[in-house]
């Protein structure tokens, strides 16, 4: 950011706060109308403004100060949003924070008003009628565990005008409780880690469905993925997201394709055999229209692949070791009990448990240039969510901590991987601070260690929600949904 943009200290902090609070409050109806009526999603440095509270919006503006080392004020973004709201725009994703910064760093020097600069930036979007997809795409969640429920929250949150992905059904086994449907809905409504569902949920026992923020989601009970007639529920050409992990190869997952109304399948676990393992932002370009089954890889592979690609492209990687400090999962036991895997039978909330991870090896499927260069191991620890990957890398050239951190900061802010990599420069953050992060990983700059060509990098990741966001990005691509983005990439 330009030095001239630095704001002076206000004479009255409280008065300044109230003015900015009023502006943030004024943004909410404008942002909502843009999303609902025009399918225009607004962001500030990648953080969505849709369905956010006044304080959420103000915190988002404050975030820019950490990563850009300069303030971004509601005084600067509000005029941008107001101008966008008055234009006849087609569907798009617009980062109003970046537009505001670009204006004050460049546009203002060109003698343009804010309104003129905004119009110039989105001029080819005015009057546009192109849709991100011809018609809404049906989605079915097969399995409704931790990842299934979080993907459901994301889909419902992003329904907006209903022109993109539509969650139509979940498939699960029938529970023994007589009020099974209510129990399923309750698990979506309340979450001990991620908090309450942002909206309303009602149960319709007669139609065997629940309605979340106006989205009716049918609940289908089945044990065999190949025998369901989805068309009987009005579901056609659906993408099934298999969250069970029971079937992980093409032969097993192809059972879904034998059901009426299914077009494609995404597995939320590492795929086996010849199945394509995809990490959004890294190798999603290999997805072809003809692909009917793909894997979204693992949460750890999604966390480490983006920074590994950046480091390898810039500095080169000779060899490395990945150690994951991973939150415990449902696969482990609450108290000591039999488990087929080594050590995992011991109580998860009471122990650190050394176990294996296939993430280091799996990186070779996503980044072939690193195949065979990385080893890996894992330690399960007594926290329910948010994990850390520690990359101990031998580089092909020497560097410094400052150079490496600045490079990664730039990647997190300005590269095509900014949805995958976030950046933290705080000395006080801990794992719980990253619950709900939508990024595949968060680079912890303060923890970086560099000694010549040896580098140790620390990456936080919400192994539940951040991974689910990566799954959603692949889901949009499989559905053929593509939004125009502004400001355009240079």
Protein backbone atom coordinates (compact mmCIF):
# COMPACT_ATOMS: atom_id res chain seq x y z
CA UNK A 1 0.00 0.00 0.00
CA UNK A 2 1.15 3.49 -0.73
CA UNK A 3 2.67 5.46 2.12
CA UNK A 4 0.16 8.25 1.46
CA UNK A 5 -2.73 5.96 2.43
CA UNK A 6 -1.68 5.68 6.06
CA UNK A 7 -4.45 7.14 8.19
CA UNK A 8 -3.74 9.66 10.86
CA UNK A 9 -4.60 8.81 14.43
CA UNK A 10 -8.15 10.05 15.10
CA UNK A 11 -8.58 12.79 17.69
CA UNK A 12 -11.60 10.93 19.05
CA UNK A 13 -11.30 7.12 18.92
CA UNK A 14 -14.87 6.56 20.04
CA UNK A 15 -16.29 9.03 17.54
CA UNK A 16 -14.24 7.43 14.76
CA UNK A 17 -15.47 3.99 15.80
CA UNK A 18 -19.12 5.05 15.71
CA UNK A 19 -18.73 6.54 12.24
CA UNK A 20 -17.09 3.38 10.91
CA UNK A 21 -19.70 1.25 12.68
CA UNK A 22 -22.47 3.18 10.93
CA UNK A 23 -20.79 2.64 7.56
CA UNK A 24 -20.43 -1.11 8.20
CA UNK A 25 -24.11 -1.22 9.17
CA UNK A 26 -24.96 0.55 5.92
CA UNK A 27 -22.99 -2.03 3.93
CA UNK A 28 -25.13 -4.95 5.08
CA UNK A 29 -28.31 -4.28 3.01
CA UNK A 30 -26.19 -3.31 -0.02
CA UNK A 31 -24.06 -6.47 0.22
CA UNK A 32 -27.19 -8.60 0.76
CA UNK A 33 -29.03 -7.14 -2.22
CA UNK A 34 -26.00 -7.60 -4.47
CA UNK A 35 -25.75 -11.29 -3.51
CA UNK A 36 -29.46 -12.08 -3.51
CA UNK A 37 -30.66 -10.09 -6.53
CA UNK A 38 -27.60 -9.95 -8.79
CA UNK A 39 -25.53 -12.94 -7.62
CA UNK A 40 -22.62 -10.58 -6.94
CA UNK A 41 -20.53 -11.71 -3.96
CA UNK A 42 -18.41 -9.04 -2.30
CA UNK A 43 -15.17 -9.57 -0.38
CA UNK A 44 -12.42 -7.72 1.44
CA UNK A 45 -9.09 -9.36 0.71
CA UNK A 46 -10.74 -12.71 0.12
CA UNK A 47 -13.00 -12.56 3.20
CA UNK A 48 -16.69 -12.59 2.33
CA UNK A 49 -18.94 -9.74 3.43
CA UNK A 50 -22.14 -11.69 2.74
CA UNK A 51 -24.23 -12.57 5.82
CA UNK A 52 -21.70 -10.90 8.13
CA UNK A 53 -22.51 -8.82 11.18
CA UNK A 54 -21.38 -5.22 11.70
CA UNK A 55 -18.51 -6.33 13.93
CA UNK A 56 -17.51 -9.10 11.52
CA UNK A 57 -17.22 -6.54 8.73
CA UNK A 58 -15.15 -4.24 10.94
CA UNK A 59 -12.86 -7.10 11.96
CA UNK A 60 -12.37 -7.97 8.31
CA UNK A 61 -11.20 -4.43 7.60
CA UNK A 62 -8.83 -4.61 10.57
CA UNK A 63 -7.36 -7.85 9.18
CA UNK A 64 -5.95 -5.93 6.21
CA UNK A 65 -3.77 -3.91 8.57
CA UNK A 66 -1.96 -7.09 9.62
CA UNK A 67 -1.28 -8.42 6.16
CA UNK A 68 -0.76 -5.19 4.22
CA UNK A 69 0.83 -3.25 7.09
CA UNK A 70 -1.59 -0.40 6.52
CA UNK A 71 -5.17 0.44 7.41
CA UNK A 72 -8.18 -0.26 5.26
CA UNK A 73 -11.09 1.83 6.46
CA UNK A 74 -14.82 1.51 6.01
CA UNK A 75 -14.61 5.11 4.79
CA UNK A 76 -12.74 3.73 1.76
CA UNK A 77 -14.78 0.61 1.00
CA UNK A 78 -18.30 1.94 1.57
CA UNK A 79 -18.26 4.23 -1.51
CA UNK A 80 -17.10 1.26 -3.62
CA UNK A 81 -19.96 -0.96 -2.39
CA UNK A 82 -22.49 1.85 -2.80
CA UNK A 83 -21.44 2.42 -6.40
CA UNK A 84 -21.54 -1.31 -7.19
CA UNK A 85 -25.04 -1.57 -5.73
CA UNK A 86 -26.26 1.11 -8.13
CA UNK A 87 -24.89 -0.57 -11.24
CA UNK A 88 -26.65 -3.15 -13.40
CA UNK A 89 -24.13 -5.94 -12.86
CA UNK A 90 -23.98 -9.54 -13.97
CA UNK A 91 -22.92 -12.38 -11.60
CA UNK A 92 -19.38 -11.99 -10.23
CA UNK A 93 -17.06 -12.11 -7.24
CA UNK A 94 -15.78 -8.62 -6.44
CA UNK A 95 -13.09 -7.81 -3.89
CA UNK A 96 -14.07 -4.31 -2.78
CA UNK A 97 -11.06 -4.13 -0.46
CA UNK A 98 -8.62 -4.56 -3.31
CA UNK A 99 -10.53 -2.11 -5.50
CA UNK A 100 -10.41 0.50 -2.72
CA UNK A 101 -6.68 -0.02 -2.18
CA UNK A 102 -5.99 0.11 -5.91
CA UNK A 103 -7.96 3.33 -6.18
CA UNK A 104 -6.08 5.15 -3.44
CA UNK A 105 -2.74 3.75 -4.58
CA UNK A 106 -3.25 4.29 -8.32
CA UNK A 107 -6.67 5.51 -9.41
CA UNK A 108 -6.70 8.65 -7.32
CA UNK A 109 -3.49 9.70 -9.05
CA UNK A 110 -5.25 9.39 -12.39
CA UNK A 111 -7.68 12.10 -11.38
CA UNK A 112 -10.68 9.76 -11.17
CA UNK A 113 -13.45 9.88 -8.60
CA UNK A 114 -14.18 6.69 -6.64
CA UNK A 115 -17.35 6.20 -8.68
CA UNK A 116 -15.51 6.62 -11.98
CA UNK A 117 -12.77 4.21 -10.90
CA UNK A 118 -15.28 1.53 -9.83
CA UNK A 119 -17.16 1.89 -13.12
CA UNK A 120 -13.90 1.55 -15.04
CA UNK A 121 -12.87 -1.54 -13.05
CA UNK A 122 -16.13 -3.45 -13.70
CA UNK A 123 -17.10 -1.86 -17.01
CA UNK A 124 -17.39 -5.18 -18.88
CA UNK A 125 -19.69 -6.53 -16.13
CA UNK A 126 -22.27 -3.77 -16.50
CA UNK A 127 -25.26 -5.14 -18.37
CA UNK A 128 -23.71 -8.63 -18.59
CA UNK A 129 -26.20 -11.50 -18.71
CA UNK A 130 -23.81 -14.45 -18.60
CA UNK A 131 -24.58 -16.85 -15.76
CA UNK A 132 -21.94 -18.87 -13.87
CA UNK A 133 -23.95 -21.97 -14.85
CA UNK A 134 -26.97 -22.46 -17.12
CA UNK A 135 -29.18 -23.89 -14.37
CA UNK A 136 -28.81 -24.81 -10.68
CA UNK A 137 -26.82 -27.98 -10.02
CA UNK A 138 -28.19 -30.54 -7.57
CA UNK A 139 -25.87 -31.80 -4.83
CA UNK A 140 -26.29 -34.89 -2.66
CA UNK A 141 -24.22 -35.53 0.46
CA UNK A 142 -23.68 -39.26 0.96
CA UNK A 143 -22.77 -39.44 4.63
CA UNK A 144 -23.52 -36.75 7.19
CA UNK A 145 -20.59 -36.78 9.59
CA UNK A 146 -18.13 -33.98 10.40
CA UNK A 147 -17.23 -33.11 6.80
CA UNK A 148 -20.73 -33.77 5.45
CA UNK A 149 -22.36 -31.35 7.87
CA UNK A 150 -19.76 -28.63 7.26
CA UNK A 151 -20.08 -28.96 3.48
CA UNK A 152 -23.85 -28.67 4.03
CA UNK A 153 -23.34 -25.42 5.97
CA UNK A 154 -21.17 -24.01 3.19
CA UNK A 155 -23.64 -24.98 0.45
CA UNK A 156 -26.57 -23.48 2.34
CA UNK A 157 -24.62 -20.31 3.17
CA UNK A 158 -23.74 -19.84 -0.50
CA UNK A 159 -27.18 -20.56 -1.96
CA UNK A 160 -28.08 -16.85 -2.20
CA UNK A 161 -30.35 -16.49 -5.23
CA UNK A 162 -30.26 -20.24 -5.90
CA UNK A 163 -28.56 -20.00 -9.31
CA UNK A 164 -25.57 -22.21 -8.48
CA UNK A 165 -25.18 -25.29 -6.30
CA UNK A 166 -28.29 -26.52 -4.48
CA UNK A 167 -28.10 -29.02 -1.65
CA UNK A 168 -31.04 -31.33 -2.35
CA UNK A 169 -30.51 -34.39 -0.16
CA UNK A 170 -28.37 -36.23 2.35
CA UNK A 171 -28.07 -40.00 2.46
CA UNK A 172 -27.38 -41.83 5.68
CA UNK A 173 -28.16 -45.08 7.45
CA UNK A 174 -31.33 -45.21 9.48
CA UNK A 175 -30.56 -44.70 13.15
CA UNK A 176 -32.20 -46.66 15.94
CA UNK A 177 -33.81 -43.64 17.57
CA UNK A 178 -37.45 -43.00 16.59
CA UNK A 179 -36.67 -39.29 16.16
CA UNK A 180 -33.72 -39.91 13.82
CA UNK A 181 -34.61 -37.02 11.50
CA UNK A 182 -34.70 -34.52 14.34
CA UNK A 183 -31.36 -35.79 15.62
CA UNK A 184 -29.75 -35.35 12.19
CA UNK A 185 -31.09 -31.80 11.94
CA UNK A 186 -29.95 -31.04 15.48
CA UNK A 187 -26.37 -32.02 14.65
CA UNK A 188 -26.45 -29.51 11.79
CA UNK A 189 -28.06 -26.89 14.02
CA UNK A 190 -25.50 -27.11 16.85
CA UNK A 191 -21.80 -27.87 16.68
CA UNK A 192 -19.47 -28.00 19.68
CA UNK A 193 -16.49 -26.82 17.63
CA UNK A 194 -17.92 -24.55 14.95
CA UNK A 195 -20.83 -23.08 16.87
CA UNK A 196 -24.47 -22.66 15.97
CA UNK A 197 -25.78 -22.84 12.41
CA UNK A 198 -26.11 -19.37 10.93
CA UNK A 199 -29.81 -19.34 10.22
CA UNK A 200 -32.93 -21.38 10.89
CA UNK A 201 -33.67 -25.09 10.54
CA UNK A 202 -37.09 -26.73 10.70
CA UNK A 203 -37.94 -30.42 10.40
CA UNK A 204 -40.70 -31.71 8.11
CA UNK A 205 -41.40 -35.27 9.26
CA UNK A 206 -44.15 -35.78 6.66
CA UNK A 207 -41.79 -35.09 3.73
CA UNK A 208 -38.80 -36.63 5.56
CA UNK A 209 -36.77 -33.49 5.13
CA UNK A 210 -35.42 -30.48 6.94
CA UNK A 211 -35.55 -26.90 5.70
CA UNK A 212 -32.42 -24.81 6.29
CA UNK A 213 -32.63 -21.12 5.36
CA UNK A 214 -35.34 -21.98 2.85
CA UNK A 215 -33.45 -24.93 1.34
CA UNK A 216 -35.45 -28.15 1.58
CA UNK A 217 -33.05 -31.05 2.05
CA UNK A 218 -34.51 -34.55 1.73
CA UNK A 219 -33.15 -37.19 4.11
CA UNK A 220 -32.76 -40.53 2.36
CA UNK A 221 -31.99 -43.70 4.30
CA UNK A 222 -29.97 -46.29 2.40
CA UNK A 223 -27.21 -48.89 2.83
CA UNK A 224 -26.43 -49.41 -0.86
CA UNK A 225 -25.37 -46.39 -2.97
CA UNK A 226 -26.39 -48.08 -6.22
CA UNK A 227 -30.07 -48.61 -5.45
CA UNK A 228 -31.33 -45.06 -4.82
CA UNK A 229 -33.68 -43.42 -7.30
CA UNK A 230 -32.89 -39.74 -6.79
CA UNK A 231 -35.23 -38.73 -9.61
CA UNK A 232 -38.13 -39.78 -7.38
CA UNK A 233 -37.15 -36.81 -5.19
CA UNK A 234 -36.89 -34.45 -8.18
CA UNK A 235 -33.10 -34.69 -8.20
CA UNK A 236 -31.36 -34.94 -11.58
CA UNK A 237 -27.77 -34.92 -12.87
CA UNK A 238 -26.59 -34.56 -9.30
CA UNK A 239 -23.06 -34.46 -7.97
CA UNK A 240 -22.73 -36.87 -5.05
CA UNK A 241 -20.18 -35.93 -2.39
CA UNK A 242 -19.21 -39.17 -0.64
CA UNK A 243 -18.13 -38.33 2.90
CA UNK A 244 -18.11 -41.89 4.24
CA UNK A 245 -14.63 -43.01 3.11
CA UNK A 246 -16.00 -46.55 2.78
CA UNK A 247 -15.26 -46.67 -0.96
CA UNK A 248 -12.03 -45.03 -2.10
CA UNK A 249 -11.34 -46.44 -5.55
CA UNK A 250 -13.09 -46.02 -8.87
CA UNK A 251 -14.78 -49.42 -8.72
CA UNK A 252 -16.36 -48.79 -5.33
CA UNK A 253 -17.37 -45.19 -5.96
CA UNK A 254 -18.87 -46.03 -9.37
CA UNK A 255 -21.76 -47.62 -7.46
CA UNK A 256 -23.12 -44.10 -7.07
CA UNK A 257 -23.27 -43.68 -10.84
CA UNK A 258 -25.63 -46.65 -11.09
CA UNK A 259 -28.26 -44.72 -9.15
CA UNK A 260 -30.83 -42.77 -11.17
CA UNK A 261 -30.19 -39.04 -11.15
CA UNK A 262 -26.41 -39.09 -10.46
CA UNK A 263 -23.89 -37.58 -12.87
CA UNK A 264 -20.63 -37.23 -10.91
CA UNK A 265 -18.98 -38.21 -7.63
CA UNK A 266 -16.46 -36.48 -5.36
CA UNK A 267 -14.70 -38.40 -2.58
CA UNK A 268 -13.69 -36.45 0.53
CA UNK A 269 -10.72 -38.69 1.31
CA UNK A 270 -7.51 -39.74 -0.47
CA UNK A 271 -8.38 -41.79 -3.54
CA UNK A 272 -6.74 -45.09 -4.36
CA UNK A 273 -5.59 -46.60 -7.63
CA UNK A 274 -5.83 -44.42 -10.71
CA UNK A 275 -8.33 -42.01 -9.14
CA UNK A 276 -7.38 -38.36 -9.62
CA UNK A 277 -6.49 -36.71 -6.30
CA UNK A 278 -7.26 -33.00 -6.63
CA UNK A 279 -6.17 -30.09 -4.45
CA UNK A 280 -8.05 -26.92 -5.38
CA UNK A 281 -5.64 -24.24 -6.57
CA UNK A 282 -2.86 -26.73 -7.32
CA UNK A 283 -3.84 -29.36 -9.87
CA UNK A 284 -7.54 -28.73 -10.41
CA UNK A 285 -6.62 -27.85 -14.00
CA UNK A 286 -6.39 -31.59 -14.74
CA UNK A 287 -10.12 -32.02 -14.11
CA UNK A 288 -11.77 -32.76 -17.44
CA UNK A 289 -15.43 -32.49 -18.38
CA UNK A 290 -15.45 -36.24 -18.92
CA UNK A 291 -14.31 -37.02 -15.34
CA UNK A 292 -17.13 -38.58 -13.37
CA UNK A 293 -15.25 -39.58 -10.19
CA UNK A 294 -12.46 -37.67 -8.45
CA UNK A 295 -10.96 -37.40 -4.97
CA UNK A 296 -10.48 -34.18 -3.00
CA UNK A 297 -7.41 -35.75 -1.31
CA UNK A 298 -6.91 -35.35 2.45
CA UNK A 299 -7.04 -32.29 4.69
CA UNK A 300 -3.28 -32.48 5.28
CA UNK A 301 -2.44 -32.85 1.59
CA UNK A 302 -4.61 -29.79 0.93
CA UNK A 303 -2.75 -27.90 3.66
CA UNK A 304 0.80 -28.65 2.57
CA UNK A 305 0.58 -28.80 -1.22
CA UNK A 306 0.02 -25.03 -1.81
CA UNK A 307 3.00 -23.78 0.25
CA UNK A 308 5.19 -26.63 -1.04
CA UNK A 309 4.46 -25.60 -4.62
CA UNK A 310 5.27 -21.96 -3.83
CA UNK A 311 8.55 -22.83 -2.09
CA UNK A 312 9.60 -25.27 -4.79
CA UNK A 313 8.87 -22.80 -7.59
CA UNK A 314 10.84 -20.02 -5.90
CA UNK A 315 13.65 -21.74 -3.99
CA UNK A 316 13.60 -25.38 -5.08
CA UNK A 317 13.20 -28.35 -2.72
CA UNK A 318 15.85 -31.09 -2.49
CA UNK A 319 14.23 -33.09 0.29
CA UNK A 320 11.98 -32.62 3.29
CA UNK A 321 10.05 -34.09 6.17
CA UNK A 322 6.43 -33.32 7.03
CA UNK A 323 5.34 -33.72 10.65
CA UNK A 324 1.65 -33.18 11.28
CA UNK A 325 0.38 -32.30 14.73
CA UNK A 326 -3.20 -33.36 14.13
CA UNK A 327 -6.40 -32.95 16.11
CA UNK A 328 -7.96 -36.24 17.11
CA UNK A 329 -10.74 -37.69 14.99
CA UNK A 330 -13.70 -40.06 15.28
CA UNK A 331 -11.42 -42.91 14.20
CA UNK A 332 -9.82 -42.85 17.66
CA UNK A 333 -11.29 -43.99 20.98
CA UNK A 334 -12.54 -41.74 23.76
CA UNK A 335 -11.12 -44.20 26.31
CA UNK A 336 -8.68 -47.08 25.88
CA UNK A 337 -10.23 -49.80 23.76
CA UNK A 338 -9.35 -52.20 20.97
CA UNK A 339 -8.32 -50.63 17.64
CA UNK A 340 -6.88 -52.43 14.63
CA UNK A 341 -4.26 -49.71 14.09
CA UNK A 342 -1.15 -49.33 16.23
CA UNK A 343 -1.50 -46.91 19.20
CA UNK A 344 -4.88 -45.54 18.06
CA UNK A 345 -6.70 -47.64 20.63
CA UNK A 346 -5.49 -45.37 23.42
CA UNK A 347 -7.67 -42.57 24.73
CA UNK A 348 -7.63 -39.63 22.26
CA UNK A 349 -8.47 -36.87 24.79
CA UNK A 350 -5.74 -38.02 27.18
CA UNK A 351 -2.76 -38.81 24.96
CA UNK A 352 -0.50 -37.64 22.20
CA UNK A 353 -0.50 -40.55 19.78
CA UNK A 354 2.18 -41.19 17.18
CA UNK A 355 0.63 -42.51 13.99
CA UNK A 356 1.23 -42.48 10.27
CA UNK A 357 0.14 -40.06 7.58
CA UNK A 358 0.04 -40.66 3.87
CA UNK A 359 0.02 -36.93 3.12
CA UNK A 360 3.73 -36.65 2.31
CA UNK A 361 3.50 -39.50 -0.17
CA UNK A 362 0.18 -38.21 -1.52
CA UNK A 363 1.81 -34.88 -2.39
CA UNK A 364 3.62 -36.74 -5.16
CA UNK A 365 0.27 -37.39 -6.85
CA UNK A 366 -0.59 -33.69 -6.72
CA UNK A 367 2.91 -32.27 -7.32
CA UNK A 368 4.77 -34.94 -9.33
CA UNK A 369 8.02 -32.96 -9.16
CA UNK A 370 8.15 -33.68 -5.41
CA UNK A 371 7.40 -37.40 -5.69
CA UNK A 372 9.79 -39.33 -3.47
CA UNK A 373 11.39 -36.23 -1.93
CA UNK A 374 9.29 -36.06 1.24
CA UNK A 375 8.84 -38.26 4.29
CA UNK A 376 6.06 -37.86 6.81
CA UNK A 377 4.66 -38.80 10.19
CA UNK A 378 1.84 -37.64 12.44
CA UNK A 379 1.08 -37.00 16.08
CA UNK A 380 -2.57 -36.97 17.12
CA UNK A 381 -3.07 -34.54 20.01
CA UNK A 382 -5.92 -33.89 22.50
CA UNK A 383 -7.66 -31.07 20.63
CA UNK A 384 -10.88 -31.57 18.61
CA UNK A 385 -10.02 -29.38 15.62
CA UNK A 386 -7.26 -27.34 13.93
CA UNK A 387 -4.00 -29.06 13.15
CA UNK A 388 -0.47 -28.02 12.25
CA UNK A 389 1.94 -29.22 9.59
CA UNK A 390 5.65 -28.62 10.18
CA UNK A 391 7.71 -28.64 6.97
CA UNK A 392 11.43 -29.28 7.48
CA UNK A 393 12.88 -28.56 4.04
CA UNK A 394 16.28 -28.67 2.39
CA UNK A 395 16.22 -26.04 -0.35
CA UNK A 396 18.33 -25.86 -3.51
CA UNK A 397 19.45 -22.33 -2.61
CA UNK A 398 20.10 -20.33 0.51
CA UNK A 399 17.67 -17.70 1.76
CA UNK A 400 16.75 -15.79 4.91
CA UNK A 401 13.74 -15.79 7.20
CA UNK A 402 12.84 -12.27 6.08
CA UNK A 403 13.04 -13.13 2.39
CA UNK A 404 11.04 -16.33 2.80
CA UNK A 405 8.35 -14.67 4.90
CA UNK A 406 7.95 -11.76 2.51
CA UNK A 407 7.65 -14.17 -0.40
CA UNK A 408 4.94 -16.17 1.38
CA UNK A 409 3.13 -12.98 2.41
CA UNK A 410 2.99 -11.96 -1.23
CA UNK A 411 1.72 -15.43 -2.21
CA UNK A 412 -1.02 -15.22 0.42
CA UNK A 413 -2.14 -11.76 -0.67
CA UNK A 414 -1.55 -11.42 -4.38
CA UNK A 415 -1.06 -14.82 -6.01
CA UNK A 416 -3.69 -17.16 -7.50
CA UNK A 417 -3.21 -19.25 -4.33
CA UNK A 418 -4.57 -16.58 -1.99
CA UNK A 419 -7.71 -18.67 -1.35
CA UNK A 420 -5.52 -21.57 -0.26
CA UNK A 421 -2.82 -19.78 1.77
CA UNK A 422 -3.48 -17.31 4.56
CA UNK A 423 -0.75 -15.41 6.42
CA UNK A 424 -0.33 -14.72 10.13
CA UNK A 425 2.28 -12.39 11.56
CA UNK A 426 1.12 -12.50 15.18
CA UNK A 427 3.24 -13.80 18.04
CA UNK A 428 0.14 -14.65 20.10
CA UNK A 429 -1.99 -16.92 17.89
CA UNK A 430 -2.83 -20.48 18.94
CA UNK A 431 -4.80 -23.28 17.31
CA UNK A 432 -8.28 -22.19 18.42
CA UNK A 433 -7.78 -18.84 16.65
CA UNK A 434 -8.06 -20.66 13.32
CA UNK A 435 -11.33 -22.49 13.87
CA UNK A 436 -13.50 -21.61 10.87
CA UNK A 437 -10.66 -20.58 8.58
CA UNK A 438 -11.68 -20.97 4.94
CA UNK A 439 -8.09 -21.38 3.76
CA UNK A 440 -6.34 -24.68 3.19
CA UNK A 441 -3.56 -23.46 5.51
CA UNK A 442 -2.31 -20.44 7.42
CA UNK A 443 1.40 -19.67 7.20
CA UNK A 444 2.79 -18.68 10.63
CA UNK A 445 5.50 -16.15 9.79
CA UNK A 446 6.68 -15.67 13.37
CA UNK A 447 7.53 -19.37 13.74
CA UNK A 448 9.63 -19.64 10.56
CA UNK A 449 13.22 -20.84 10.99
CA UNK A 450 15.83 -20.46 8.23
CA UNK A 451 19.48 -21.43 8.31
CA UNK A 452 21.07 -21.19 4.89
CA UNK A 453 19.27 -23.69 2.73
CA UNK A 454 17.47 -25.31 5.67
CA UNK A 455 13.96 -24.01 6.37
CA UNK A 456 11.33 -25.01 8.90
CA UNK A 457 7.82 -23.76 8.17
CA UNK A 458 4.77 -23.94 10.44
CA UNK A 459 1.33 -24.21 8.85
CA UNK A 460 -1.95 -24.13 10.76
CA UNK A 461 -5.07 -25.61 9.17
CA UNK A 462 -8.67 -26.15 10.15
CA UNK A 463 -8.72 -29.80 9.18
CA UNK A 464 -12.53 -29.74 9.13
CA UNK A 465 -13.82 -26.41 7.81
CA UNK A 466 -10.81 -25.31 5.76
CA UNK A 467 -10.80 -28.69 4.04
CA UNK A 468 -14.56 -28.51 3.46
CA UNK A 469 -14.05 -25.16 1.70
CA UNK A 470 -11.50 -26.82 -0.58
CA UNK A 471 -14.05 -29.54 -1.34
CA UNK A 472 -16.62 -26.85 -2.20
CA UNK A 473 -14.17 -25.21 -4.64
CA UNK A 474 -13.75 -28.52 -6.46
CA UNK A 475 -17.51 -29.06 -6.35
CA UNK A 476 -18.08 -25.74 -8.11
CA UNK A 477 -15.58 -26.67 -10.82
CA UNK A 478 -17.12 -30.12 -11.33
CA UNK A 479 -20.49 -28.38 -11.70
CA UNK A 480 -19.06 -26.05 -14.34
CA UNK A 481 -19.61 -22.96 -12.19
CA UNK A 482 -17.20 -20.13 -12.93
CA UNK A 483 -17.57 -16.57 -11.72
CA UNK A 484 -15.90 -13.52 -13.18
CA UNK A 485 -13.60 -11.97 -10.56
CA UNK A 486 -12.69 -8.32 -9.98
CA UNK A 487 -10.31 -6.63 -9.90
CA UNK A 488 -8.91 -8.70 -12.73
CA UNK A 489 -5.57 -10.41 -12.38
CA UNK A 490 -2.67 -8.45 -13.83
